[in-house]
C-alpha atoms as a PDB file:
ATOM      1  CA  UNK A   1       3.377 -12.872 -10.560  1.00  0.00           C
ATOM      2  CA  UNK A   2       1.528 -13.064  -7.265  1.00  0.00           C
ATOM      3  CA  UNK A   3       3.149 -11.265  -4.363  1.00  0.00           C
ATOM      4  CA  UNK A   4       0.586 -12.234  -1.752  1.00  0.00           C
ATOM      5  CA  UNK A   5       1.881 -13.323   1.633  1.00  0.00           C
ATOM      6  CA  UNK A   6       0.209 -14.095   4.932  1.00  0.00           C
ATOM      7  CA  UNK A   7       0.423 -10.404   5.815  1.00  0.00           C
ATOM      8  CA  UNK A   8       0.155  -8.593   2.456  1.00  0.00           C
ATOM      9  CA  UNK A   9      -2.765  -9.159   0.075  1.00  0.00           C
ATOM     10  CA  UNK A  10      -2.773  -8.577  -3.676  1.00  0.00           C
ATOM     11  CA  UNK A  11      -5.360  -6.160  -5.047  1.00  0.00           C
ATOM     12  CA  UNK A  12      -6.741  -5.625  -8.539  1.00  0.00           C
ATOM     13  CA  UNK A  13      -9.022  -3.026 -10.082  1.00  0.00           C
ATOM     14  CA  UNK A  14     -11.922  -5.333  -9.172  1.00  0.00           C
ATOM     15  CA  UNK A  15     -11.000  -5.814  -5.500  1.00  0.00           C
ATOM     16  CA  UNK A  16      -9.564  -2.378  -4.696  1.00  0.00           C
ATOM     17  CA  UNK A  17     -12.714  -0.531  -3.569  1.00  0.00           C
ATOM     18  CA  UNK A  18     -13.989  -3.289  -1.282  1.00  0.00           C
ATOM     19  CA  UNK A  19     -10.574  -3.731   0.348  1.00  0.00           C
ATOM     20  CA  UNK A  20     -10.161  -0.022   1.054  1.00  0.00           C
ATOM     21  CA  UNK A  21     -13.696   0.327   2.440  1.00  0.00           C
ATOM     22  CA  UNK A  22     -13.363  -2.733   4.685  1.00  0.00           C
ATOM     23  CA  UNK A  23     -10.076  -1.620   6.295  1.00  0.00           C
ATOM     24  CA  UNK A  24     -10.012   1.036   8.990  1.00  0.00           C
ATOM     25  CA  UNK A  25      -6.395   1.812   8.039  1.00  0.00           C
ATOM     26  CA  UNK A  26      -4.898   0.515   4.789  1.00  0.00           C
ATOM     27  CA  UNK A  27      -1.600   0.930   2.953  1.00  0.00           C
ATOM     28  CA  UNK A  28      -1.592   0.039  -0.736  1.00  0.00           C
ATOM     29  CA  UNK A  29       1.848  -0.551  -2.237  1.00  0.00           C
ATOM     30  CA  UNK A  30       1.539   0.326  -5.941  1.00  0.00           C
ATOM     31  CA  UNK A  31       4.343  -1.505  -7.724  1.00  0.00           C
ATOM     32  CA  UNK A  32       5.390  -3.360 -10.890  1.00  0.00           C
ATOM     33  CA  UNK A  33       7.532  -6.492 -11.321  1.00  0.00           C
ATOM     34  CA  UNK A  34      10.123  -4.654 -13.465  1.00  0.00           C
ATOM     35  CA  UNK A  35      10.601  -1.824 -10.933  1.00  0.00           C
ATOM     36  CA  UNK A  36      13.872  -2.076  -8.976  1.00  0.00           C
ATOM     37  CA  UNK A  37      12.897   0.422  -6.236  1.00  0.00           C
ATOM     38  CA  UNK A  38       9.600  -1.456  -5.833  1.00  0.00           C
ATOM     39  CA  UNK A  39      11.495  -4.689  -5.210  1.00  0.00           C
ATOM     40  CA  UNK A  40      13.725  -2.846  -2.724  1.00  0.00           C
ATOM     41  CA  UNK A  41      10.669  -1.623  -0.798  1.00  0.00           C
ATOM     42  CA  UNK A  42       8.889  -5.016  -0.748  1.00  0.00           C
ATOM     43  CA  UNK A  43      10.724  -6.460   2.305  1.00  0.00           C
ATOM     44  CA  UNK A  44       9.985  -3.272   4.265  1.00  0.00           C
ATOM     45  CA  UNK A  45       6.277  -3.553   3.441  1.00  0.00           C
ATOM     46  CA  UNK A  46       6.295  -7.224   4.474  1.00  0.00           C
ATOM     47  CA  UNK A  47       7.969  -6.393   7.816  1.00  0.00           C
ATOM     48  CA  UNK A  48       5.588  -3.520   8.534  1.00  0.00           C
ATOM     49  CA  UNK A  49       2.608  -5.722   7.662  1.00  0.00           C
ATOM     50  CA  UNK A  50       3.770  -8.311  10.189  1.00  0.00           C
ATOM     51  CA  UNK A  51       4.454  -5.788  12.927  1.00  0.00           C
ATOM     52  CA  UNK A  52       1.227  -3.832  12.442  1.00  0.00           C
ATOM     53  CA  UNK A  53      -0.989  -6.896  11.955  1.00  0.00           C
ATOM     54  CA  UNK A  54      -4.432  -6.171  13.349  1.00  0.00           C
ATOM     55  CA  UNK A  55      -3.847  -2.398  13.226  1.00  0.00           C
ATOM     56  CA  UNK A  56      -3.002  -1.664   9.566  1.00  0.00           C
ATOM     57  CA  UNK A  57      -3.901  -3.773   6.529  1.00  0.00           C
ATOM     58  CA  UNK A  58      -1.238  -3.879   3.815  1.00  0.00           C
ATOM     59  CA  UNK A  59      -1.964  -4.539   0.153  1.00  0.00           C
ATOM     60  CA  UNK A  60       0.005  -4.702  -3.111  1.00  0.00           C
ATOM     61  CA  UNK A  61      -1.383  -3.417  -6.398  1.00  0.00           C
ATOM     62  CA  UNK A  62       0.416  -4.289  -9.645  1.00  0.00           C
ATOM     63  CA  UNK A  63       0.212  -1.061 -11.656  1.00  0.00           C
ATOM     64  CA  UNK A  64       0.719  -2.907 -14.958  1.00  0.00           C
ATOM     65  CA  UNK A  65      -2.448  -4.917 -14.347  1.00  0.00           C
ATOM     66  CA  UNK A  66      -4.659  -2.368 -12.543  1.00  0.00           C
ATOM     67  CA  UNK A  67      -4.841   0.641 -14.830  1.00  0.00           C
ATOM     68  CA  UNK A  68      -8.173   1.940 -13.476  1.00  0.00           C
ATOM     69  CA  UNK A  69      -6.697   2.525 -10.021  1.00  0.00           C
ATOM     70  CA  UNK A  70      -3.524   3.995 -11.553  1.00  0.00           C
ATOM     71  CA  UNK A  71      -5.601   6.521 -13.499  1.00  0.00           C
ATOM     72  CA  UNK A  72      -8.028   7.218 -10.645  1.00  0.00           C
ATOM     73  CA  UNK A  73      -5.237   8.112  -8.204  1.00  0.00           C
ATOM     74  CA  UNK A  74      -2.925   9.663 -10.818  1.00  0.00           C
ATOM     75  CA  UNK A  75       0.004   7.376 -10.065  1.00  0.00           C
ATOM     76  CA  UNK A  76       2.885   8.602 -12.213  1.00  0.00           C
ATOM     77  CA  UNK A  77       5.818   7.121 -10.289  1.00  0.00           C
ATOM     78  CA  UNK A  78       6.307   3.830  -8.511  1.00  0.00           C
ATOM     79  CA  UNK A  79       6.606   2.696  -5.882  1.00  0.00           C
ATOM     80  CA  UNK A  80       3.714   4.745  -4.538  1.00  0.00           C
ATOM     81  CA  UNK A  81       2.050   4.020  -1.215  1.00  0.00           C
ATOM     82  CA  UNK A  82      -1.587   5.072  -0.963  1.00  0.00           C
ATOM     83  CA  UNK A  83      -2.770   5.372   2.633  1.00  0.00           C
ATOM     84  CA  UNK A  84      -6.462   5.167   3.464  1.00  0.00           C
ATOM     85  CA  UNK A  85      -8.258   5.710   6.767  1.00  0.00           C
ATOM     86  CA  UNK A  86     -11.889   4.623   7.006  1.00  0.00           C
ATOM     87  CA  UNK A  87     -12.156   4.379   3.215  1.00  0.00           C
ATOM     88  CA  UNK A  88     -10.752   7.844   2.450  1.00  0.00           C
ATOM     89  CA  UNK A  89      -7.311   8.559   1.018  1.00  0.00           C
ATOM     90  CA  UNK A  90      -5.372  10.476   3.664  1.00  0.00           C
ATOM     91  CA  UNK A  91      -1.767  10.292   2.468  1.00  0.00           C
ATOM     92  CA  UNK A  92       0.519   9.335  -0.411  1.00  0.00           C
ATOM     93  CA  UNK A  93       4.192   8.397  -0.233  1.00  0.00           C
ATOM     94  CA  UNK A  94       6.201   8.231  -3.464  1.00  0.00           C
ATOM     95  CA  UNK A  95       9.516   6.432  -3.756  1.00  0.00           C
ATOM     96  CA  UNK A  96      11.480   3.722  -1.989  1.00  0.00           C
ATOM     97  CA  UNK A  97      11.544   5.473   1.369  1.00  0.00           C
ATOM     98  CA  UNK A  98      12.985   4.130   4.635  1.00  0.00           C
ATOM     99  CA  UNK A  99      10.799   2.186   7.027  1.00  0.00           C
ATOM    100  CA  UNK A 100      11.043   4.941   9.658  1.00  0.00           C
ATOM    101  CA  UNK A 101       9.537   7.439   7.214  1.00  0.00           C
ATOM    102  CA  UNK A 102       6.534   5.197   6.533  1.00  0.00           C
ATOM    103  CA  UNK A 103       6.042   4.628  10.264  1.00  0.00           C
ATOM    104  CA  UNK A 104       6.238   8.378  10.926  1.00  0.00           C
ATOM    105  CA  UNK A 105       3.302   8.854   8.539  1.00  0.00           C
ATOM    106  CA  UNK A 106       1.292   5.963  10.042  1.00  0.00           C
ATOM    107  CA  UNK A 107       1.718   6.844  13.733  1.00  0.00           C
ATOM    108  CA  UNK A 108      -0.585   9.913  13.766  1.00  0.00           C
ATOM    109  CA  UNK A 109      -3.244   7.897  11.928  1.00  0.00           C
ATOM    110  CA  UNK A 110      -3.007   5.057  14.442  1.00  0.00           C
ATOM    111  CA  UNK A 111      -3.323   7.516  17.326  1.00  0.00           C
ATOM    112  CA  UNK A 112      -6.521   8.951  15.822  1.00  0.00           C
ATOM    113  CA  UNK A 113      -8.297   5.601  15.445  1.00  0.00           C
END
């Protein structure tokens, strides 16, 4: 089930590395279709992606289909947000957290760009 929108792009094991390296600031929403909290977080990710367009690139990674990334980043719970700055992982947020919490973690990264 594709979740791609105009503002949020789907990733796979094959496209993950290139996407992270090509984005100065990226948020990867690691989710699964059967995950209720993941579905609860999806509208928040979509809204943030719209509001931060041009500043932060948002992606979705289906953990059922992308097991290499899941293993590489030791994702044990979903939803998990992986945050990358200039190709390096700089933060991880686990759980269906409020929008304000995600923004509080992004703001210092945006200020340092």
